[in-house]
């Protein structure tokens, strides 16, 4: 998996306290006015193994883990991220997982299963839409994006 950055003490990307944030490298969505274009190219960032990421999570004192990017479900990171989510749920059941993706829930379900989606505490999905930008929304940048809590849509 390619990681652009790791923030070990992020106070922004969760609603349940400080988080360990993993910024994944690679994104095909290329949303207009994306604020994080440096993560689009998969060739940037550094390679990390599942084991090394799990060790970073084990060392973290935070109850939250946030996956951002780029897109964590970018096709070259997808399999590793899905396996990582499964292992986090098994090894660290008290950690809350946040995943931001430009894919819709329906698209995510085409390449994974409802079981994986139900392991994600907060799935924030959908492409950023410049014309629907709203900085007053929690966890989202545009009003078309939806939030799911363990597979069930929520409004916050």
N, C-alpha and C. Protein backbone atom coordinates (compact mmCIF):
# COMPACT_ATOMS: atom_id res chain seq x y z
N UNK A 1 0.85 -1.18 0.00
CA UNK A 1 0.00 0.00 0.00
C UNK A 1 0.89 1.23 0.00
N UNK A 2 0.43 2.25 -0.69
CA UNK A 2 1.17 3.51 -0.75
C UNK A 2 0.52 4.53 0.17
N UNK A 3 1.35 5.08 1.05
CA UNK A 3 0.88 6.08 2.02
C UNK A 3 1.61 7.39 1.73
N UNK A 4 0.83 8.47 1.63
CA UNK A 4 1.40 9.80 1.41
C UNK A 4 1.93 10.37 2.72
N UNK A 5 1.14 10.24 3.78
CA UNK A 5 1.51 10.77 5.10
C UNK A 5 0.79 10.00 6.20
N UNK A 6 1.36 10.06 7.37
CA UNK A 6 0.71 9.52 8.57
C UNK A 6 0.70 10.64 9.60
N UNK A 7 -0.49 10.97 10.08
CA UNK A 7 -0.63 11.94 11.17
C UNK A 7 -0.98 11.14 12.42
N UNK A 8 -0.11 11.17 13.39
CA UNK A 8 -0.30 10.36 14.59
C UNK A 8 -1.15 11.02 15.66
N UNK A 9 -1.50 12.27 15.45
CA UNK A 9 -2.27 13.00 16.47
C UNK A 9 -3.19 14.01 15.79
N UNK A 10 -4.09 13.52 14.95
CA UNK A 10 -4.97 14.35 14.13
C UNK A 10 -6.23 14.70 14.93
N UNK A 11 -6.52 15.97 15.04
CA UNK A 11 -7.70 16.40 15.80
C UNK A 11 -8.87 16.79 14.89
N UNK A 12 -8.71 16.63 13.57
CA UNK A 12 -9.74 17.10 12.64
C UNK A 12 -10.57 15.97 12.06
N UNK A 13 -9.96 14.86 11.68
CA UNK A 13 -10.63 13.85 10.87
C UNK A 13 -11.30 12.74 11.66
N UNK A 14 -12.14 13.13 12.61
CA UNK A 14 -13.03 12.22 13.31
C UNK A 14 -14.01 13.08 14.10
N UNK A 15 -15.07 12.48 14.57
CA UNK A 15 -16.00 13.19 15.45
C UNK A 15 -15.99 12.58 16.85
N UNK A 16 -15.12 11.61 17.04
CA UNK A 16 -15.07 10.91 18.32
C UNK A 16 -13.70 11.05 18.98
N UNK A 17 -13.01 12.16 18.74
CA UNK A 17 -11.73 12.41 19.39
C UNK A 17 -10.55 12.34 18.44
N UNK A 18 -9.36 12.48 18.99
CA UNK A 18 -8.13 12.45 18.20
C UNK A 18 -8.01 11.12 17.46
N UNK A 19 -7.31 11.15 16.34
CA UNK A 19 -7.22 9.97 15.49
C UNK A 19 -5.81 9.79 14.91
N UNK A 20 -5.49 8.57 14.62
CA UNK A 20 -4.33 8.23 13.81
C UNK A 20 -4.83 8.26 12.37
N UNK A 21 -4.24 9.12 11.53
CA UNK A 21 -4.73 9.28 10.16
C UNK A 21 -3.69 8.79 9.16
N UNK A 22 -4.16 7.93 8.26
CA UNK A 22 -3.35 7.41 7.18
C UNK A 22 -3.84 8.03 5.88
N UNK A 23 -2.95 8.78 5.21
CA UNK A 23 -3.28 9.42 3.93
C UNK A 23 -2.75 8.53 2.82
N UNK A 24 -3.65 7.85 2.12
CA UNK A 24 -3.25 6.93 1.06
C UNK A 24 -2.96 7.68 -0.24
N UNK A 25 -2.03 7.13 -1.00
CA UNK A 25 -1.60 7.71 -2.26
C UNK A 25 -2.37 7.03 -3.39
N UNK A 26 -2.84 7.81 -4.35
CA UNK A 26 -3.52 7.29 -5.53
C UNK A 26 -4.99 7.64 -5.54
N UNK A 27 -5.45 8.25 -6.65
CA UNK A 27 -6.87 8.57 -6.81
C UNK A 27 -7.15 8.80 -8.29
N UNK A 28 -8.18 8.14 -8.79
CA UNK A 28 -8.62 8.31 -10.18
C UNK A 28 -9.77 9.29 -10.31
N UNK A 29 -10.35 9.73 -9.23
CA UNK A 29 -11.56 10.57 -9.31
C UNK A 29 -11.26 11.96 -9.85
N UNK A 30 -10.14 12.54 -9.43
CA UNK A 30 -9.71 13.85 -9.92
C UNK A 30 -10.82 14.90 -9.80
N UNK A 31 -11.40 14.98 -8.61
CA UNK A 31 -12.50 15.93 -8.37
C UNK A 31 -12.03 17.37 -8.57
N UNK A 32 -12.84 18.15 -9.26
CA UNK A 32 -12.51 19.55 -9.48
C UNK A 32 -12.46 20.27 -8.13
N UNK A 33 -11.42 21.06 -7.93
CA UNK A 33 -11.17 21.81 -6.69
C UNK A 33 -10.81 20.92 -5.50
N UNK A 34 -10.35 19.70 -5.76
CA UNK A 34 -9.86 18.84 -4.69
C UNK A 34 -8.75 19.57 -3.96
N UNK A 35 -8.76 19.52 -2.66
CA UNK A 35 -7.75 20.22 -1.87
C UNK A 35 -6.50 19.39 -1.66
N UNK A 36 -6.50 18.12 -2.10
CA UNK A 36 -5.37 17.23 -1.82
C UNK A 36 -4.84 16.57 -3.10
N UNK A 37 -4.61 17.37 -4.13
CA UNK A 37 -4.17 16.84 -5.42
C UNK A 37 -2.80 16.15 -5.35
N UNK A 38 -2.01 16.45 -4.36
CA UNK A 38 -0.68 15.82 -4.24
C UNK A 38 -0.78 14.32 -4.00
N UNK A 39 -1.94 13.83 -3.62
CA UNK A 39 -2.12 12.39 -3.36
C UNK A 39 -2.68 11.64 -4.57
N UNK A 40 -2.97 12.31 -5.65
CA UNK A 40 -3.57 11.65 -6.81
C UNK A 40 -2.63 10.63 -7.46
N UNK A 41 -1.38 10.99 -7.64
CA UNK A 41 -0.42 10.15 -8.35
C UNK A 41 0.05 9.02 -7.44
N UNK A 42 -0.18 7.80 -7.86
CA UNK A 42 0.19 6.64 -7.06
C UNK A 42 1.70 6.53 -6.85
N UNK A 43 2.48 7.13 -7.72
CA UNK A 43 3.94 7.02 -7.62
C UNK A 43 4.52 7.83 -6.46
N UNK A 44 3.73 8.72 -5.88
CA UNK A 44 4.20 9.46 -4.71
C UNK A 44 4.12 8.60 -3.47
N UNK A 45 4.43 9.16 -2.33
CA UNK A 45 4.30 8.44 -1.07
C UNK A 45 5.31 7.32 -0.89
N UNK A 46 5.07 6.50 0.12
CA UNK A 46 5.97 5.39 0.45
C UNK A 46 5.17 4.10 0.58
N UNK A 47 5.83 3.00 0.25
CA UNK A 47 5.21 1.68 0.41
C UNK A 47 5.19 1.29 1.88
N UNK A 48 4.06 0.76 2.32
CA UNK A 48 3.92 0.23 3.68
C UNK A 48 3.29 -1.15 3.58
N UNK A 49 3.75 -2.06 4.40
CA UNK A 49 3.13 -3.39 4.48
C UNK A 49 1.99 -3.33 5.49
N UNK A 50 1.10 -4.30 5.39
CA UNK A 50 0.02 -4.40 6.40
C UNK A 50 0.62 -4.51 7.79
N UNK A 51 1.68 -5.30 7.92
CA UNK A 51 2.29 -5.52 9.23
C UNK A 51 2.83 -4.22 9.82
N UNK A 52 3.46 -3.39 8.98
CA UNK A 52 4.01 -2.14 9.51
C UNK A 52 2.90 -1.17 9.91
N UNK A 53 1.82 -1.16 9.16
CA UNK A 53 0.68 -0.30 9.52
C UNK A 53 0.03 -0.80 10.80
N UNK A 54 -0.13 -2.11 10.93
CA UNK A 54 -0.71 -2.67 12.16
C UNK A 54 0.16 -2.35 13.37
N UNK A 55 1.46 -2.32 13.20
CA UNK A 55 2.36 -1.96 14.30
C UNK A 55 2.17 -0.49 14.69
N UNK A 56 2.02 0.39 13.71
CA UNK A 56 1.76 1.80 13.98
C UNK A 56 0.44 1.95 14.74
N UNK A 57 -0.57 1.20 14.33
CA UNK A 57 -1.88 1.24 15.00
C UNK A 57 -1.74 0.72 16.43
N UNK A 58 -1.00 -0.38 16.61
CA UNK A 58 -0.81 -0.95 17.95
C UNK A 58 -0.16 0.07 18.88
N UNK A 59 0.79 0.85 18.37
CA UNK A 59 1.50 1.84 19.18
C UNK A 59 0.68 3.09 19.45
N UNK A 60 -0.37 3.32 18.66
CA UNK A 60 -1.18 4.53 18.81
C UNK A 60 -2.05 4.46 20.05
N UNK A 61 -2.14 5.56 20.76
CA UNK A 61 -2.98 5.60 21.96
C UNK A 61 -4.41 6.04 21.62
N UNK A 62 -4.66 6.39 20.36
CA UNK A 62 -5.97 6.89 19.96
C UNK A 62 -6.94 5.76 19.68
N UNK A 63 -8.21 6.05 19.93
CA UNK A 63 -9.25 5.04 19.68
C UNK A 63 -9.77 5.09 18.25
N UNK A 64 -9.29 6.04 17.45
CA UNK A 64 -9.75 6.21 16.08
C UNK A 64 -8.63 6.02 15.08
N UNK A 65 -9.00 5.47 13.92
CA UNK A 65 -8.09 5.35 12.79
C UNK A 65 -8.84 5.89 11.58
N UNK A 66 -8.25 6.88 10.91
CA UNK A 66 -8.88 7.48 9.74
C UNK A 66 -8.08 7.17 8.49
N UNK A 67 -8.79 6.75 7.45
CA UNK A 67 -8.20 6.44 6.14
C UNK A 67 -8.67 7.51 5.17
N UNK A 68 -7.72 8.31 4.66
CA UNK A 68 -8.04 9.35 3.68
C UNK A 68 -7.09 9.23 2.50
N UNK A 69 -7.11 10.23 1.65
CA UNK A 69 -6.20 10.17 0.52
C UNK A 69 -6.27 11.43 -0.31
N UNK A 70 -5.95 11.24 -1.54
CA UNK A 70 -6.19 10.20 -2.51
C UNK A 70 -7.49 9.51 -2.18
N UNK A 71 -7.46 8.22 -2.40
CA UNK A 71 -8.61 7.38 -2.06
C UNK A 71 -8.10 6.05 -1.52
N UNK A 72 -8.47 5.71 -0.28
CA UNK A 72 -8.02 4.42 0.28
C UNK A 72 -8.43 3.23 -0.59
N UNK A 73 -9.54 3.38 -1.33
CA UNK A 73 -10.00 2.28 -2.18
C UNK A 73 -9.51 2.39 -3.62
N UNK A 74 -8.49 3.23 -3.85
CA UNK A 74 -7.83 3.26 -5.16
C UNK A 74 -7.43 1.84 -5.52
N UNK A 75 -7.59 1.45 -6.76
CA UNK A 75 -7.46 0.04 -7.14
C UNK A 75 -6.13 -0.60 -6.73
N UNK A 76 -5.05 0.15 -6.64
CA UNK A 76 -3.77 -0.45 -6.26
C UNK A 76 -3.61 -0.61 -4.75
N UNK A 77 -4.45 0.07 -3.96
CA UNK A 77 -4.41 -0.05 -2.50
C UNK A 77 -5.57 -0.89 -1.96
N UNK A 78 -6.58 -1.08 -2.77
CA UNK A 78 -7.87 -1.63 -2.34
C UNK A 78 -7.76 -2.93 -1.56
N UNK A 79 -7.11 -3.93 -2.11
CA UNK A 79 -7.04 -5.23 -1.45
C UNK A 79 -6.36 -5.12 -0.08
N UNK A 80 -5.26 -4.37 -0.02
CA UNK A 80 -4.56 -4.19 1.24
C UNK A 80 -5.39 -3.46 2.27
N UNK A 81 -6.12 -2.43 1.83
CA UNK A 81 -6.97 -1.66 2.75
C UNK A 81 -8.10 -2.52 3.28
N UNK A 82 -8.73 -3.30 2.42
CA UNK A 82 -9.82 -4.19 2.86
C UNK A 82 -9.30 -5.20 3.88
N UNK A 83 -8.14 -5.80 3.60
CA UNK A 83 -7.54 -6.75 4.56
C UNK A 83 -7.19 -6.06 5.86
N UNK A 84 -6.69 -4.83 5.77
CA UNK A 84 -6.33 -4.06 6.96
C UNK A 84 -7.57 -3.79 7.83
N UNK A 85 -8.67 -3.42 7.22
CA UNK A 85 -9.91 -3.17 7.96
C UNK A 85 -10.34 -4.43 8.70
N UNK A 86 -10.29 -5.57 8.03
CA UNK A 86 -10.65 -6.84 8.67
C UNK A 86 -9.74 -7.14 9.87
N UNK A 87 -8.43 -6.92 9.69
CA UNK A 87 -7.47 -7.21 10.78
C UNK A 87 -7.63 -6.23 11.94
N UNK A 88 -7.89 -4.97 11.65
CA UNK A 88 -8.11 -3.99 12.73
C UNK A 88 -9.32 -4.39 13.55
N UNK A 89 -10.40 -4.79 12.90
CA UNK A 89 -11.60 -5.22 13.63
C UNK A 89 -11.32 -6.42 14.52
N UNK A 90 -10.46 -7.30 14.06
CA UNK A 90 -10.15 -8.51 14.83
C UNK A 90 -9.17 -8.21 15.97
N UNK A 91 -8.08 -7.47 15.66
CA UNK A 91 -7.02 -7.24 16.64
C UNK A 91 -7.28 -6.07 17.57
N UNK A 92 -8.02 -5.08 17.10
CA UNK A 92 -8.27 -3.86 17.87
C UNK A 92 -9.77 -3.53 17.85
N UNK A 93 -10.60 -4.37 18.44
CA UNK A 93 -12.05 -4.19 18.31
C UNK A 93 -12.59 -2.89 18.91
N UNK A 94 -11.83 -2.23 19.76
CA UNK A 94 -12.31 -0.97 20.35
C UNK A 94 -11.92 0.26 19.55
N UNK A 95 -11.17 0.09 18.47
CA UNK A 95 -10.79 1.22 17.62
C UNK A 95 -11.94 1.52 16.64
N UNK A 96 -12.20 2.79 16.46
CA UNK A 96 -13.20 3.22 15.49
C UNK A 96 -12.49 3.51 14.17
N UNK A 97 -13.06 3.02 13.07
CA UNK A 97 -12.48 3.19 11.74
C UNK A 97 -13.31 4.18 10.95
N UNK A 98 -12.63 5.18 10.39
CA UNK A 98 -13.22 6.15 9.47
C UNK A 98 -12.58 5.93 8.10
N UNK A 99 -13.39 5.89 7.05
CA UNK A 99 -12.86 5.77 5.70
C UNK A 99 -13.55 6.80 4.81
N UNK A 100 -12.74 7.65 4.15
CA UNK A 100 -13.25 8.59 3.16
C UNK A 100 -12.93 8.03 1.79
N UNK A 101 -13.93 7.94 0.91
CA UNK A 101 -13.72 7.45 -0.44
C UNK A 101 -14.58 8.23 -1.42
N UNK A 102 -14.06 8.41 -2.62
CA UNK A 102 -14.84 9.04 -3.68
C UNK A 102 -15.84 8.09 -4.30
N UNK A 103 -15.71 6.80 -4.01
CA UNK A 103 -16.68 5.82 -4.52
C UNK A 103 -17.96 5.91 -3.71
N UNK A 104 -19.09 5.65 -4.35
CA UNK A 104 -20.35 5.57 -3.62
C UNK A 104 -20.43 4.21 -2.94
N UNK A 105 -21.35 4.08 -2.00
CA UNK A 105 -21.54 2.79 -1.33
C UNK A 105 -21.81 1.70 -2.35
N UNK A 106 -22.61 2.00 -3.32
CA UNK A 106 -22.96 1.00 -4.34
C UNK A 106 -21.71 0.55 -5.09
N UNK A 107 -20.80 1.47 -5.41
CA UNK A 107 -19.56 1.13 -6.08
C UNK A 107 -18.64 0.33 -5.16
N UNK A 108 -18.58 0.70 -3.89
CA UNK A 108 -17.75 -0.04 -2.92
C UNK A 108 -18.23 -1.48 -2.84
N UNK A 109 -19.54 -1.68 -2.84
CA UNK A 109 -20.09 -3.03 -2.73
C UNK A 109 -19.83 -3.87 -3.98
N UNK A 110 -19.45 -3.24 -5.09
CA UNK A 110 -19.08 -3.99 -6.28
C UNK A 110 -17.71 -4.67 -6.13
N UNK A 111 -16.83 -4.08 -5.30
CA UNK A 111 -15.50 -4.67 -5.15
C UNK A 111 -15.22 -5.20 -3.75
N UNK A 112 -16.20 -5.14 -2.87
CA UNK A 112 -16.04 -5.70 -1.54
C UNK A 112 -17.37 -6.31 -1.13
N UNK A 113 -17.57 -6.50 0.15
CA UNK A 113 -18.82 -7.10 0.63
C UNK A 113 -19.43 -6.23 1.72
N UNK A 114 -20.69 -6.48 2.00
CA UNK A 114 -21.36 -5.76 3.09
C UNK A 114 -20.65 -6.04 4.41
N UNK A 115 -20.03 -7.22 4.53
CA UNK A 115 -19.32 -7.53 5.77
C UNK A 115 -18.21 -6.52 6.04
N UNK A 116 -17.45 -6.15 5.00
CA UNK A 116 -16.38 -5.17 5.18
C UNK A 116 -16.98 -3.80 5.50
N UNK A 117 -18.02 -3.41 4.77
CA UNK A 117 -18.66 -2.12 5.02
C UNK A 117 -19.18 -2.06 6.45
N UNK A 118 -19.70 -3.15 6.96
CA UNK A 118 -20.23 -3.16 8.32
C UNK A 118 -19.12 -3.12 9.38
N UNK A 119 -17.87 -3.27 8.96
CA UNK A 119 -16.73 -3.16 9.88
C UNK A 119 -16.21 -1.73 9.96
N UNK A 120 -16.71 -0.85 9.10
CA UNK A 120 -16.26 0.54 9.07
C UNK A 120 -17.25 1.36 9.90
N UNK A 121 -16.74 2.00 10.95
CA UNK A 121 -17.61 2.78 11.82
C UNK A 121 -18.20 3.98 11.10
N UNK A 122 -17.39 4.68 10.32
CA UNK A 122 -17.87 5.83 9.56
C UNK A 122 -17.29 5.77 8.16
N UNK A 123 -18.13 5.42 7.20
CA UNK A 123 -17.77 5.44 5.79
C UNK A 123 -18.34 6.72 5.20
N UNK A 124 -17.47 7.61 4.76
CA UNK A 124 -17.88 8.86 4.14
C UNK A 124 -17.63 8.67 2.65
N UNK A 125 -18.70 8.65 1.85
CA UNK A 125 -18.58 8.24 0.47
C UNK A 125 -19.08 9.30 -0.50
N UNK A 126 -18.60 9.18 -1.73
CA UNK A 126 -19.03 10.05 -2.82
C UNK A 126 -17.95 11.05 -3.21
N UNK A 127 -17.93 11.38 -4.47
CA UNK A 127 -16.96 12.33 -4.98
C UNK A 127 -17.26 13.73 -4.47
N UNK A 128 -16.22 14.51 -4.27
CA UNK A 128 -16.40 15.92 -3.92
C UNK A 128 -16.96 16.64 -5.15
N UNK A 129 -18.06 17.36 -4.93
CA UNK A 129 -18.70 18.13 -6.01
C UNK A 129 -18.55 19.60 -5.70
N UNK A 130 -17.77 20.29 -6.52
CA UNK A 130 -17.47 21.71 -6.31
C UNK A 130 -18.75 22.53 -6.15
N UNK A 131 -19.76 22.28 -6.99
CA UNK A 131 -21.00 23.07 -6.95
C UNK A 131 -21.85 22.78 -5.71
N UNK A 132 -21.55 21.69 -5.00
CA UNK A 132 -22.29 21.33 -3.79
C UNK A 132 -21.43 21.50 -2.53
N UNK A 133 -20.32 22.19 -2.68
CA UNK A 133 -19.39 22.42 -1.55
C UNK A 133 -20.12 23.09 -0.40
N UNK A 134 -19.89 22.56 0.82
CA UNK A 134 -20.49 23.13 2.01
C UNK A 134 -19.56 22.82 3.19
N UNK A 135 -18.82 23.83 3.62
CA UNK A 135 -17.84 23.63 4.69
C UNK A 135 -18.47 23.56 6.08
N UNK A 136 -19.78 23.69 6.16
CA UNK A 136 -20.47 23.56 7.45
C UNK A 136 -20.86 22.11 7.75
N UNK A 137 -20.70 21.22 6.80
CA UNK A 137 -21.06 19.82 6.99
C UNK A 137 -19.98 19.11 7.80
N UNK A 138 -20.40 18.22 8.68
CA UNK A 138 -19.44 17.40 9.43
C UNK A 138 -18.94 16.27 8.54
N UNK A 139 -17.64 16.08 8.53
CA UNK A 139 -16.93 14.99 7.86
C UNK A 139 -17.02 15.02 6.34
N UNK A 140 -17.73 15.95 5.75
CA UNK A 140 -17.92 15.99 4.30
C UNK A 140 -17.57 17.36 3.75
N UNK A 141 -17.24 17.39 2.47
CA UNK A 141 -16.94 18.65 1.81
C UNK A 141 -18.05 19.14 0.90
N UNK A 142 -18.92 18.20 0.46
CA UNK A 142 -20.04 18.59 -0.40
C UNK A 142 -21.29 17.80 0.00
N UNK A 143 -22.44 18.40 -0.26
CA UNK A 143 -23.71 17.85 0.26
C UNK A 143 -24.15 16.56 -0.40
N UNK A 144 -23.57 16.16 -1.51
CA UNK A 144 -23.91 14.88 -2.13
C UNK A 144 -23.29 13.70 -1.41
N UNK A 145 -22.27 13.93 -0.62
CA UNK A 145 -21.58 12.84 0.07
C UNK A 145 -22.44 12.31 1.22
N UNK A 146 -22.40 11.00 1.39
CA UNK A 146 -23.20 10.35 2.44
C UNK A 146 -22.29 9.71 3.49
N UNK A 147 -22.84 9.54 4.69
CA UNK A 147 -22.10 8.92 5.79
C UNK A 147 -22.85 7.67 6.22
N UNK A 148 -22.10 6.59 6.38
CA UNK A 148 -22.67 5.33 6.85
C UNK A 148 -21.97 4.91 8.13
N UNK A 149 -22.75 4.46 9.08
CA UNK A 149 -22.23 3.91 10.32
C UNK A 149 -22.47 2.42 10.29
N UNK A 150 -21.38 1.67 10.11
CA UNK A 150 -21.44 0.21 10.01
C UNK A 150 -22.51 -0.26 9.03
N UNK A 151 -22.55 0.42 7.86
CA UNK A 151 -23.41 0.01 6.77
C UNK A 151 -24.78 0.67 6.72
N UNK A 152 -25.11 1.47 7.74
CA UNK A 152 -26.43 2.14 7.77
C UNK A 152 -26.23 3.63 7.63
N UNK A 153 -26.97 4.24 6.68
CA UNK A 153 -26.81 5.67 6.44
C UNK A 153 -27.25 6.47 7.67
N UNK A 154 -26.46 7.49 7.98
CA UNK A 154 -26.78 8.37 9.11
C UNK A 154 -26.69 9.81 8.64
N UNK A 155 -27.34 10.69 9.36
CA UNK A 155 -27.29 12.12 9.11
C UNK A 155 -26.67 12.76 10.34
N UNK A 156 -25.58 13.50 10.11
CA UNK A 156 -24.98 14.25 11.23
C UNK A 156 -24.66 15.66 10.78
